[in-house]
């Protein structure tokens, strides 16, 4: 009997002590899955907590692009899954991922998005995100992007960008094949929407995306993003 493809879950973290334990609990009943936490210089107990739970922990320069690429470099899995520290995968995610990538023509995949709060306005955000992901084949990083390791290395990993690295990564993948959005949801923290408000958060995101399409330098986009945030 052929062993199921090994999955490497790569989690970039920075000061996530309050969330990392709950996040890592998602992997207790998985099969042939390795977890790699890549720390970007946390000043809290993130690293100690991750190590106490028995997962591999690396250090890298801060920045999701650099942290995720560092994790992918040491990963031993046939499949790579990139997970934000404030996002939890659904039960049975490993079987879902393997099945999705076994489909002919599928180059990568991601999950639908569910936000961990009861605000009615966030249900609209979820619908918009899931529509965009499914019909435009444009999932973002908070939807747990996954793909075969061979494809990841073929396209050179995540681009070296201080912002929009997941967006550019998906654009490159779309040229190679289908990006599927599986009918299961990750659960992501509502903290950024709760902190700034749904309207302001959505506005900031759209400004950055439009600026990126208009070829505004990523360094400038980072300054804009920081200026809007409190």
Protein backbone atom coordinates (compact mmCIF):
# COMPACT_ATOMS: atom_id res chain seq x y z
CA UNK A 1 0.00 0.00 0.00
CA UNK A 2 1.44 3.40 -1.04
CA UNK A 3 2.01 5.84 1.81
CA UNK A 4 0.06 9.11 1.61
CA UNK A 5 2.15 12.11 0.49
CA UNK A 6 3.85 13.83 3.39
CA UNK A 7 2.60 17.33 4.21
CA UNK A 8 4.84 20.04 5.65
CA UNK A 9 2.89 22.80 7.40
CA UNK A 10 4.95 26.00 7.62
CA UNK A 11 3.84 28.65 10.12
CA UNK A 12 5.58 32.07 10.20
CA UNK A 13 5.24 33.63 13.64
CA UNK A 14 6.08 36.84 15.46
CA UNK A 15 4.92 37.33 19.06
CA UNK A 16 2.06 34.83 18.88
CA UNK A 17 2.34 33.31 22.36
CA UNK A 18 -1.38 33.84 23.02
CA UNK A 19 -2.39 31.85 19.93
CA UNK A 20 0.32 29.38 18.95
CA UNK A 21 -0.75 26.63 21.37
CA UNK A 22 -4.32 26.54 20.04
CA UNK A 23 -3.05 26.66 16.46
CA UNK A 24 -0.70 23.72 16.95
CA UNK A 25 -3.45 21.64 18.56
CA UNK A 26 -4.90 21.19 15.05
CA UNK A 27 -2.20 18.66 14.22
CA UNK A 28 -2.63 16.18 17.06
CA UNK A 29 -4.58 13.60 15.02
CA UNK A 30 -2.98 14.03 11.60
CA UNK A 31 -1.01 11.40 9.70
CA UNK A 32 2.34 11.93 7.99
CA UNK A 33 2.35 15.67 8.69
CA UNK A 34 5.34 17.70 9.88
CA UNK A 35 4.97 21.16 11.41
CA UNK A 36 7.65 23.82 11.05
CA UNK A 37 7.31 27.05 13.01
CA UNK A 38 9.51 29.86 11.68
CA UNK A 39 10.05 32.65 14.17
CA UNK A 40 10.85 36.18 13.01
CA UNK A 41 12.30 37.45 16.28
CA UNK A 42 9.54 37.08 18.88
CA UNK A 43 10.01 38.86 22.19
CA UNK A 44 7.40 36.78 24.03
CA UNK A 45 7.09 33.05 24.78
CA UNK A 46 6.16 31.97 21.24
CA UNK A 47 9.33 29.96 20.63
CA UNK A 48 9.32 28.27 24.04
CA UNK A 49 5.68 27.23 23.66
CA UNK A 50 6.22 25.84 20.16
CA UNK A 51 9.27 23.86 21.26
CA UNK A 52 7.40 22.47 24.28
CA UNK A 53 4.81 21.04 21.89
CA UNK A 54 7.44 19.10 19.98
CA UNK A 55 7.38 20.86 16.62
CA UNK A 56 10.42 22.00 14.68
CA UNK A 57 11.27 25.66 15.29
CA UNK A 58 13.50 27.80 13.08
CA UNK A 59 14.61 31.42 13.23
CA UNK A 60 14.64 33.74 10.22
CA UNK A 61 14.67 37.43 9.43
CA UNK A 62 11.25 38.95 10.05
CA UNK A 63 8.90 39.04 7.06
CA UNK A 64 6.46 36.37 5.95
CA UNK A 65 8.22 35.94 2.60
CA UNK A 66 11.58 35.19 4.23
CA UNK A 67 10.11 33.09 7.03
CA UNK A 68 8.00 30.92 4.72
CA UNK A 69 10.87 30.42 2.28
CA UNK A 70 13.14 29.45 5.18
CA UNK A 71 10.62 26.86 6.34
CA UNK A 72 10.18 25.46 2.83
CA UNK A 73 13.95 25.09 2.49
CA UNK A 74 14.14 22.52 5.29
CA UNK A 75 10.71 20.91 4.77
CA UNK A 76 10.70 17.20 3.93
CA UNK A 77 7.11 17.00 2.71
CA UNK A 78 5.86 16.29 -0.80
CA UNK A 79 3.25 18.98 -0.17
CA UNK A 80 3.78 22.39 1.43
CA UNK A 81 1.00 24.21 3.30
CA UNK A 82 1.55 27.77 4.49
CA UNK A 83 -0.49 28.71 7.55
CA UNK A 84 -0.81 32.05 9.33
CA UNK A 85 -0.30 31.89 13.08
CA UNK A 86 -3.79 33.23 13.82
CA UNK A 87 -5.55 30.72 11.55
CA UNK A 88 -6.70 27.18 12.34
CA UNK A 89 -7.17 24.38 9.85
CA UNK A 90 -10.35 22.27 9.70
CA UNK A 91 -10.47 18.72 11.03
CA UNK A 92 -9.28 16.33 8.33
CA UNK A 93 -7.40 19.02 6.43
CA UNK A 94 -4.64 16.56 5.51
CA UNK A 95 -6.96 14.27 3.55
CA UNK A 96 -8.64 17.29 1.93
CA UNK A 97 -5.31 18.70 0.76
CA UNK A 98 -4.06 15.40 -0.65
CA UNK A 99 -7.31 14.80 -2.50
CA UNK A 100 -7.35 18.32 -4.00
CA UNK A 101 -3.81 18.08 -5.35
CA UNK A 102 -4.53 14.65 -6.85
CA UNK A 103 -7.03 16.25 -9.24
CA UNK A 104 -5.74 16.55 -12.79
CA UNK A 105 -4.76 20.11 -13.72
CA UNK A 106 -4.73 21.40 -10.14
CA UNK A 107 -1.49 23.23 -9.40
CA UNK A 108 -2.33 24.57 -5.93
CA UNK A 109 -5.19 25.10 -3.54
CA UNK A 110 -6.53 26.95 -0.53
CA UNK A 111 -9.46 26.84 1.88
CA UNK A 112 -12.56 28.97 2.18
CA UNK A 113 -12.36 31.66 4.85
CA UNK A 114 -14.35 31.85 8.07
CA UNK A 115 -13.70 34.66 10.56
CA UNK A 116 -13.85 33.95 14.28
CA UNK A 117 -16.42 36.55 15.38
CA UNK A 118 -20.20 36.93 15.30
CA UNK A 119 -20.30 40.39 13.68
CA UNK A 120 -22.84 40.35 10.84
CA UNK A 121 -20.61 42.52 8.66
CA UNK A 122 -17.93 39.83 8.75
CA UNK A 123 -20.31 37.36 7.11
CA UNK A 124 -20.32 39.70 4.10
CA UNK A 125 -16.52 39.83 4.16
CA UNK A 126 -16.43 36.02 4.14
CA UNK A 127 -18.79 35.87 1.16
CA UNK A 128 -16.73 38.39 -0.79
CA UNK A 129 -13.46 36.59 -0.03
CA UNK A 130 -14.85 33.18 -0.94
CA UNK A 131 -16.42 34.49 -4.16
CA UNK A 132 -13.14 36.09 -5.21
CA UNK A 133 -11.17 32.99 -4.34
CA UNK A 134 -13.44 30.55 -6.13
CA UNK A 135 -14.31 32.50 -9.28
CA UNK A 136 -11.14 34.55 -9.79
CA UNK A 137 -8.83 31.85 -8.43
CA UNK A 138 -7.23 34.42 -6.10
CA UNK A 139 -7.03 33.09 -2.53
CA UNK A 140 -4.80 35.00 -0.13
CA UNK A 141 -2.35 33.79 2.49
CA UNK A 142 -4.86 33.69 5.35
CA UNK A 143 -6.66 30.88 3.47
CA UNK A 144 -3.76 28.43 3.96
CA UNK A 145 -2.28 28.10 0.48
CA UNK A 146 -0.97 24.62 -0.36
CA UNK A 147 0.88 23.08 -3.31
CA UNK A 148 3.36 20.37 -4.23
CA UNK A 149 6.88 21.09 -3.03
CA UNK A 150 8.24 20.51 -6.54
CA UNK A 151 6.04 23.30 -7.91
CA UNK A 152 7.03 25.65 -5.10
CA UNK A 153 10.71 25.22 -5.88
CA UNK A 154 10.09 25.39 -9.63
CA UNK A 155 8.69 28.93 -9.36
CA UNK A 156 11.36 30.05 -6.88
CA UNK A 157 9.22 30.21 -3.75
CA UNK A 158 7.63 33.37 -2.42
CA UNK A 159 8.88 36.58 -4.03
CA UNK A 160 11.06 38.79 -1.87
CA UNK A 161 8.45 41.43 -1.13
CA UNK A 162 7.67 43.25 2.14
CA UNK A 163 3.95 43.08 1.34
CA UNK A 164 1.67 41.32 -1.19
CA UNK A 165 4.00 38.31 -1.37
CA UNK A 166 1.03 35.90 -1.27
CA UNK A 167 -0.82 37.86 -3.98
CA UNK A 168 2.16 37.77 -6.36
CA UNK A 169 2.78 34.12 -5.52
CA UNK A 170 -0.79 33.19 -6.52
CA UNK A 171 -0.56 35.22 -9.75
CA UNK A 172 2.51 33.20 -10.72
CA UNK A 173 0.79 29.93 -9.87
CA UNK A 174 -2.30 30.81 -11.94
CA UNK A 175 -0.14 30.78 -15.07
CA UNK A 176 0.75 27.14 -14.44
CA UNK A 177 -2.63 25.57 -13.75
CA UNK A 178 -5.84 25.56 -11.75
CA UNK A 179 -5.97 26.88 -8.20
CA UNK A 180 -8.76 25.10 -6.39
CA UNK A 181 -10.63 26.35 -3.34
CA UNK A 182 -11.75 23.36 -1.32
CA UNK A 183 -15.23 23.22 0.28
CA UNK A 184 -13.90 23.48 3.83
CA UNK A 185 -13.02 26.54 5.86
CA UNK A 186 -10.08 27.71 7.90
CA UNK A 187 -10.98 29.74 10.96
CA UNK A 188 -9.01 32.98 11.19
CA UNK A 189 -8.86 35.49 14.00
CA UNK A 190 -11.04 38.58 13.69
CA UNK A 191 -8.47 40.72 15.47
CA UNK A 192 -7.55 43.02 12.56
CA UNK A 193 -11.20 43.69 11.70
CA UNK A 194 -12.06 44.26 15.36
CA UNK A 195 -9.11 46.58 15.86
CA UNK A 196 -9.71 48.86 12.87
CA UNK A 197 -13.31 48.15 11.94
CA UNK A 198 -14.58 46.21 8.94
CA UNK A 199 -14.93 49.19 6.60
CA UNK A 200 -11.49 50.62 7.34
CA UNK A 201 -9.76 47.22 7.11
CA UNK A 202 -11.43 46.49 3.77
CA UNK A 203 -10.53 49.96 2.48
CA UNK A 204 -6.86 49.53 3.45
CA UNK A 205 -6.68 46.14 1.75
CA UNK A 206 -8.19 47.48 -1.48
CA UNK A 207 -5.87 50.52 -1.53
CA UNK A 208 -2.84 48.24 -1.26
CA UNK A 209 -4.11 45.87 -3.97
CA UNK A 210 -4.90 48.69 -6.39
CA UNK A 211 -1.55 50.29 -5.67
CA UNK A 212 0.21 47.01 -6.40
CA UNK A 213 -1.58 46.68 -9.76
CA UNK A 214 -0.58 50.27 -10.56
CA UNK A 215 3.06 49.27 -9.90
CA UNK A 216 3.47 51.40 -6.79
CA UNK A 217 6.76 50.19 -5.20
CA UNK A 218 6.11 47.65 -2.41
CA UNK A 219 8.22 49.77 -0.04
CA UNK A 220 5.73 52.61 -0.56
CA UNK A 221 2.77 50.26 -0.06
CA UNK A 222 4.23 49.20 3.28
CA UNK A 223 4.43 52.85 4.35
CA UNK A 224 0.82 53.42 3.31
CA UNK A 225 -0.27 50.29 5.15
CA UNK A 226 1.55 51.39 8.29
CA UNK A 227 0.14 54.91 8.08
CA UNK A 228 -3.45 53.68 8.04
CA UNK A 229 -2.96 51.33 10.97
CA UNK A 230 -3.14 52.71 14.53
